[in-house]
Amino acid sequence: MIIIAREYTDVTPLLSHVDGEGVVDISLHIRTVQQVFDIEDRMLECYLDAQPDNLKFRLETIAKEGKSRWGLERTAILHRNGDVVPDEILYAVAISTKDENIDLPQAMQYIIKRIDDEINVWRKELYESGRVKEGGGGTKKRKTNSRK
């Protein structure tokens, strides 16, 4: 299950998806949009442009690799796109297993690292002073079309 959400979304559907008969362990990880604390300027909002079709494909690939590599029963990933504010969910991952010998924390760490390293999300941050910052998060800054 992959969810690309434009609005704040509860993670309960992720947990429901990975639960089921015979599941012995479930792990949930939530990454939030981090507020950069600057005494003189505070981030008010952030716009994420993750190209939803490509994002869904990449997250599905990561979920499949996690399943085959770690023997996971189910994986569910939620990723935000569009307008978000500091402290809202950027992405959430839920995984489960029917095998109590699987190292679920290590499997989760693998998936988180893959998302952090491979998912390019262009962002535009708006600050209290009116300052705008584009790019961010180690992602490539995308050119925007502009009329002259």
C-alpha atoms as a PDB file:
ATOM      1  CA  MET A   1       0.000   0.000   0.000  1.00  0.00           C
ATOM      2  CA  ILE A   2       1.402   3.326  -1.118  1.00  0.00           C
ATOM      3  CA  ILE A   3      -0.441   6.569  -0.321  1.00  0.00           C
ATOM      4  CA  ILE A   4       0.555   9.940  -1.757  1.00  0.00           C
ATOM      5  CA  ALA A   5      -1.385  12.523   0.278  1.00  0.00           C
ATOM      6  CA  ARG A   6      -1.861  16.229  -0.365  1.00  0.00           C
ATOM      7  CA  GLU A   7      -3.444  16.836   3.048  1.00  0.00           C
ATOM      8  CA  TYR A   8      -2.657  15.755   6.585  1.00  0.00           C
ATOM      9  CA  THR A   9      -3.437  12.069   6.884  1.00  0.00           C
ATOM     10  CA  ASP A  10      -3.805   9.740   9.851  1.00  0.00           C
ATOM     11  CA  VAL A  11      -1.456   6.733   9.896  1.00  0.00           C
ATOM     12  CA  THR A  12      -4.154   4.332  11.173  1.00  0.00           C
ATOM     13  CA  PRO A  13      -4.843   2.956   7.644  1.00  0.00           C
ATOM     14  CA  LEU A  14      -1.167   1.994   7.373  1.00  0.00           C
ATOM     15  CA  LEU A  15      -1.334   0.007  10.578  1.00  0.00           C
ATOM     16  CA  SER A  16      -4.595  -1.639   9.530  1.00  0.00           C
ATOM     17  CA  HIS A  17      -3.034  -2.661   6.225  1.00  0.00           C
ATOM     18  CA  VAL A  18       0.029  -4.348   7.736  1.00  0.00           C
ATOM     19  CA  ASP A  19      -1.915  -6.142  10.475  1.00  0.00           C
ATOM     20  CA  GLY A  20      -3.538  -9.491   9.886  1.00  0.00           C
ATOM     21  CA  GLU A  21      -3.803 -13.126  10.869  1.00  0.00           C
ATOM     22  CA  GLY A  22      -0.482 -14.559  11.974  1.00  0.00           C
ATOM     23  CA  VAL A  23       1.341 -11.209  12.187  1.00  0.00           C
ATOM     24  CA  VAL A  24       3.669 -11.296  15.188  1.00  0.00           C
ATOM     25  CA  ASP A  25       5.411  -7.943  14.898  1.00  0.00           C
ATOM     26  CA  ILE A  26       4.568  -4.492  13.490  1.00  0.00           C
ATOM     27  CA  SER A  27       6.854  -1.477  13.258  1.00  0.00           C
ATOM     28  CA  LEU A  28       5.844   2.124  12.489  1.00  0.00           C
ATOM     29  CA  HIS A  29       8.162   5.015  11.650  1.00  0.00           C
ATOM     30  CA  ILE A  30       7.036   8.618  11.172  1.00  0.00           C
ATOM     31  CA  ARG A  31       9.259  11.349   9.705  1.00  0.00           C
ATOM     32  CA  THR A  32       8.011  14.919  10.109  1.00  0.00           C
ATOM     33  CA  VAL A  33       8.759  18.154   8.286  1.00  0.00           C
ATOM     34  CA  GLN A  34      11.426  19.609  10.515  1.00  0.00           C
ATOM     35  CA  GLN A  35      11.285  23.170  11.716  1.00  0.00           C
ATOM     36  CA  VAL A  36      14.651  24.817  11.357  1.00  0.00           C
ATOM     37  CA  PHE A  37      14.961  26.936  14.454  1.00  0.00           C
ATOM     38  CA  ASP A  38      16.438  30.262  13.495  1.00  0.00           C
ATOM     39  CA  ILE A  39      16.154  32.933  16.177  1.00  0.00           C
ATOM     40  CA  GLU A  40      15.497  35.613  13.575  1.00  0.00           C
ATOM     41  CA  ASP A  41      13.323  33.685  11.121  1.00  0.00           C
ATOM     42  CA  ARG A  42      10.844  30.813  11.425  1.00  0.00           C
ATOM     43  CA  MET A  43       9.554  28.512   8.681  1.00  0.00           C
ATOM     44  CA  LEU A  44       5.801  28.955   8.249  1.00  0.00           C
ATOM     45  CA  GLU A  45       5.070  26.439   5.546  1.00  0.00           C
ATOM     46  CA  CYS A  46       6.681  24.218   2.997  1.00  0.00           C
ATOM     47  CA  TYR A  47       5.564  23.133  -0.461  1.00  0.00           C
ATOM     48  CA  LEU A  48       6.733  19.679  -1.587  1.00  0.00           C
ATOM     49  CA  ASP A  49       6.788  18.695  -5.248  1.00  0.00           C
ATOM     50  CA  ALA A  50       7.529  14.993  -5.357  1.00  0.00           C
ATOM     51  CA  GLN A  51       6.117  14.180  -8.824  1.00  0.00           C
ATOM     52  CA  PRO A  52       3.420  11.736  -7.594  1.00  0.00           C
ATOM     53  CA  ASP A  53       3.606   9.121 -10.380  1.00  0.00           C
ATOM     54  CA  ASN A  54       7.357   8.759 -10.105  1.00  0.00           C
ATOM     55  CA  LEU A  55       7.179   8.907  -6.302  1.00  0.00           C
ATOM     56  CA  LYS A  56       4.622   6.083  -6.149  1.00  0.00           C
ATOM     57  CA  PHE A  57       6.714   3.902  -8.469  1.00  0.00           C
ATOM     58  CA  ARG A  58       9.899   4.509  -6.417  1.00  0.00           C
ATOM     59  CA  LEU A  59       8.154   3.782  -3.109  1.00  0.00           C
ATOM     60  CA  GLU A  60       6.600   0.587  -4.536  1.00  0.00           C
ATOM     61  CA  THR A  61      10.076  -0.524  -5.621  1.00  0.00           C
ATOM     62  CA  ILE A  62      11.507   0.134  -2.148  1.00  0.00           C
ATOM     63  CA  ALA A  63       8.591  -1.745  -0.521  1.00  0.00           C
ATOM     64  CA  LYS A  64       9.086  -4.773  -2.814  1.00  0.00           C
ATOM     65  CA  GLU A  65      12.822  -4.835  -2.144  1.00  0.00           C
ATOM     66  CA  GLY A  66      12.169  -4.654   1.606  1.00  0.00           C
ATOM     67  CA  LYS A  67       9.795  -7.602   1.339  1.00  0.00           C
ATOM     68  CA  SER A  68      12.163  -9.769  -0.668  1.00  0.00           C
ATOM     69  CA  ARG A  69      15.278  -8.841   1.311  1.00  0.00           C
ATOM     70  CA  TRP A  70      13.788  -9.054   4.813  1.00  0.00           C
ATOM     71  CA  GLY A  71      10.835 -11.435   4.397  1.00  0.00           C
ATOM     72  CA  LEU A  72       8.292  -8.808   5.404  1.00  0.00           C
ATOM     73  CA  GLU A  73       4.628  -9.776   5.349  1.00  0.00           C
ATOM     74  CA  ARG A  74       3.314  -6.344   4.356  1.00  0.00           C
ATOM     75  CA  THR A  75       4.591  -2.814   3.865  1.00  0.00           C
ATOM     76  CA  ALA A  76       2.594   0.430   3.773  1.00  0.00           C
ATOM     77  CA  ILE A  77       4.093   3.839   3.004  1.00  0.00           C
ATOM     78  CA  LEU A  78       2.469   7.265   3.169  1.00  0.00           C
ATOM     79  CA  HIS A  79       4.281  10.254   1.638  1.00  0.00           C
ATOM     80  CA  ARG A  80       3.059  13.852   1.649  1.00  0.00           C
ATOM     81  CA  ASN A  81       3.057  16.064  -1.414  1.00  0.00           C
ATOM     82  CA  GLY A  82       1.954  19.675  -1.727  1.00  0.00           C
ATOM     83  CA  ASP A  83       1.547  22.128   1.172  1.00  0.00           C
ATOM     84  CA  VAL A  84       2.741  21.052   4.619  1.00  0.00           C
ATOM     85  CA  VAL A  85       3.584  22.917   7.788  1.00  0.00           C
ATOM     86  CA  PRO A  86       6.394  22.184  10.245  1.00  0.00           C
ATOM     87  CA  ASP A  87       5.801  19.139  12.457  1.00  0.00           C
ATOM     88  CA  GLU A  88       3.325  17.506  10.049  1.00  0.00           C
ATOM     89  CA  ILE A  89       4.091  14.082   8.623  1.00  0.00           C
ATOM     90  CA  LEU A  90       6.488  14.059   5.684  1.00  0.00           C
ATOM     91  CA  TYR A  91       6.308  10.274   5.356  1.00  0.00           C
ATOM     92  CA  ALA A  92       5.329   7.249   7.419  1.00  0.00           C
ATOM     93  CA  VAL A  93       6.246   3.585   7.005  1.00  0.00           C
ATOM     94  CA  ALA A  94       4.537   0.561   8.571  1.00  0.00           C
ATOM     95  CA  ILE A  95       5.892  -2.963   8.160  1.00  0.00           C
ATOM     96  CA  SER A  96       4.932  -6.349   9.556  1.00  0.00           C
ATOM     97  CA  THR A  97       6.150  -9.914   9.726  1.00  0.00           C
ATOM     98  CA  LYS A  98       4.801 -13.347  10.592  1.00  0.00           C
ATOM     99  CA  ASP A  99       8.309 -14.559  11.464  1.00  0.00           C
ATOM    100  CA  GLU A 100       9.442 -13.610  14.965  1.00  0.00           C
ATOM    101  CA  ASN A 101      13.081 -14.205  13.956  1.00  0.00           C
ATOM    102  CA  ILE A 102      13.137 -11.335  11.466  1.00  0.00           C
ATOM    103  CA  ASP A 103      14.992  -8.256  12.700  1.00  0.00           C
ATOM    104  CA  LEU A 104      12.160  -5.778  12.102  1.00  0.00           C
ATOM    105  CA  PRO A 105      14.060  -2.697  13.406  1.00  0.00           C
ATOM    106  CA  GLN A 106      16.882  -3.422  10.959  1.00  0.00           C
ATOM    107  CA  ALA A 107      14.395  -3.924   8.112  1.00  0.00           C
ATOM    108  CA  MET A 108      12.758  -0.600   8.975  1.00  0.00           C
ATOM    109  CA  GLN A 109      16.142   1.131   9.070  1.00  0.00           C
ATOM    110  CA  TYR A 110      16.866  -0.235   5.576  1.00  0.00           C
ATOM    111  CA  ILE A 111      13.585   1.151   4.181  1.00  0.00           C
ATOM    112  CA  ILE A 112      14.037   4.550   5.879  1.00  0.00           C
ATOM    113  CA  LYS A 113      17.575   4.866   4.529  1.00  0.00           C
ATOM    114  CA  ARG A 114      16.401   4.004   1.010  1.00  0.00           C
ATOM    115  CA  ILE A 115      13.636   6.630   1.181  1.00  0.00           C
ATOM    116  CA  ASP A 116      15.954   9.300   2.591  1.00  0.00           C
ATOM    117  CA  ASP A 117      18.708   8.545   0.066  1.00  0.00           C
ATOM    118  CA  GLU A 118      16.686   7.948  -3.084  1.00  0.00           C
ATOM    119  CA  ILE A 119      13.464   9.940  -2.991  1.00  0.00           C
ATOM    120  CA  ASN A 120      14.101  13.388  -4.447  1.00  0.00           C
ATOM    121  CA  VAL A 121      11.612  15.918  -3.150  1.00  0.00           C
ATOM    122  CA  TRP A 122      11.923  19.493  -4.343  1.00  0.00           C
ATOM    123  CA  ARG A 123      10.773  21.905  -1.665  1.00  0.00           C
ATOM    124  CA  LYS A 124       9.928  25.547  -1.391  1.00  0.00           C
ATOM    125  CA  GLU A 125       9.990  26.904   2.153  1.00  0.00           C
ATOM    126  CA  LEU A 126       8.333  30.159   3.226  1.00  0.00           C
ATOM    127  CA  TYR A 127       9.685  31.969   6.286  1.00  0.00           C
ATOM    128  CA  GLU A 128       8.159  34.549   8.621  1.00  0.00           C
ATOM    129  CA  SER A 129      10.381  37.311   7.210  1.00  0.00           C
ATOM    130  CA  GLY A 130       9.121  36.601   3.680  1.00  0.00           C
ATOM    131  CA  ARG A 131      12.330  34.804   2.714  1.00  0.00           C
ATOM    132  CA  VAL A 132      11.838  31.883   0.336  1.00  0.00           C
ATOM    133  CA  LYS A 133      14.208  28.926   0.134  1.00  0.00           C
ATOM    134  CA  GLU A 134      14.012  26.444  -2.741  1.00  0.00           C
ATOM    135  CA  GLY A 135      15.648  23.042  -3.225  1.00  0.00           C
ATOM    136  CA  GLY A 136      16.675  21.661   0.154  1.00  0.00           C
ATOM    137  CA  GLY A 137      17.128  18.224   1.649  1.00  0.00           C
ATOM    138  CA  GLY A 138      20.046  17.380  -0.596  1.00  0.00           C
ATOM    139  CA  THR A 139      17.725  17.241  -3.599  1.00  0.00           C
ATOM    140  CA  LYS A 140      18.433  18.715  -6.994  1.00  0.00           C
ATOM    141  CA  LYS A 141      16.934  22.127  -7.597  1.00  0.00           C
ATOM    142  CA  ARG A 142      14.487  21.844 -10.460  1.00  0.00           C
ATOM    143  CA  LYS A 143      14.162  24.547 -13.075  1.00  0.00           C
ATOM    144  CA  THR A 144      10.736  26.085 -13.340  1.00  0.00           C
ATOM    145  CA  ASN A 145       9.223  27.412 -16.532  1.00  0.00           C
ATOM    146  CA  SER A 146       8.720  31.142 -16.457  1.00  0.00           C
ATOM    147  CA  ARG A 147       7.260  33.574 -18.929  1.00  0.00           C
ATOM    148  CA  LYS A 148       9.265  36.598 -19.951  1.00  0.00           C
END
